[in-house]
Protein backbone atom coordinates (compact mmCIF):
# COMPACT_ATOMS: atom_id res chain seq x y z
CA LYS A 1 -0.01 -0.07 0.04
CA ASP A 2 2.93 2.51 1.00
CA ALA A 3 4.66 1.91 -2.35
CA VAL A 4 1.35 2.57 -4.34
CA LEU A 5 0.75 5.79 -2.16
CA PHE A 6 4.39 6.81 -3.12
CA ASP A 7 3.75 6.23 -6.67
CA ASN A 8 0.51 8.18 -7.00
CA SER A 9 1.82 11.18 -5.06
CA PHE A 10 5.08 10.92 -7.60
CA LEU A 11 2.68 10.67 -10.45
CA SER A 12 0.54 13.64 -9.18
CA ARG A 13 3.64 15.69 -8.64
CA GLU A 14 4.88 15.10 -12.18
CA ALA A 15 1.36 15.83 -13.54
CA GLN A 16 1.24 19.27 -11.64
CA PHE A 17 4.81 20.26 -13.06
CA GLU A 18 3.65 19.44 -16.41
CA LYS A 19 0.77 21.57 -15.93
CA LEU A 20 2.86 24.27 -14.55
CA PHE A 21 5.21 24.02 -17.47
CA ASN A 22 2.24 24.24 -19.79
CA LEU A 23 0.85 27.50 -18.22
CA VAL A 24 4.45 29.24 -18.38
CA ASN A 25 4.64 28.35 -22.05
CA GLU A 26 1.20 29.69 -22.77
CA LYS A 27 2.35 32.81 -20.91
CA ILE A 28 5.26 33.38 -22.98
CA LYS A 29 3.55 32.56 -26.25
CA VAL A 30 0.94 35.57 -25.31
């Protein structure tokens, strides 16, 4: 269970980073 929770938190962290990166790219384009 701990390993699964760790994987989920890691994946969510990566997803959040991707969202931030995309937001920054959009702001730079505009």
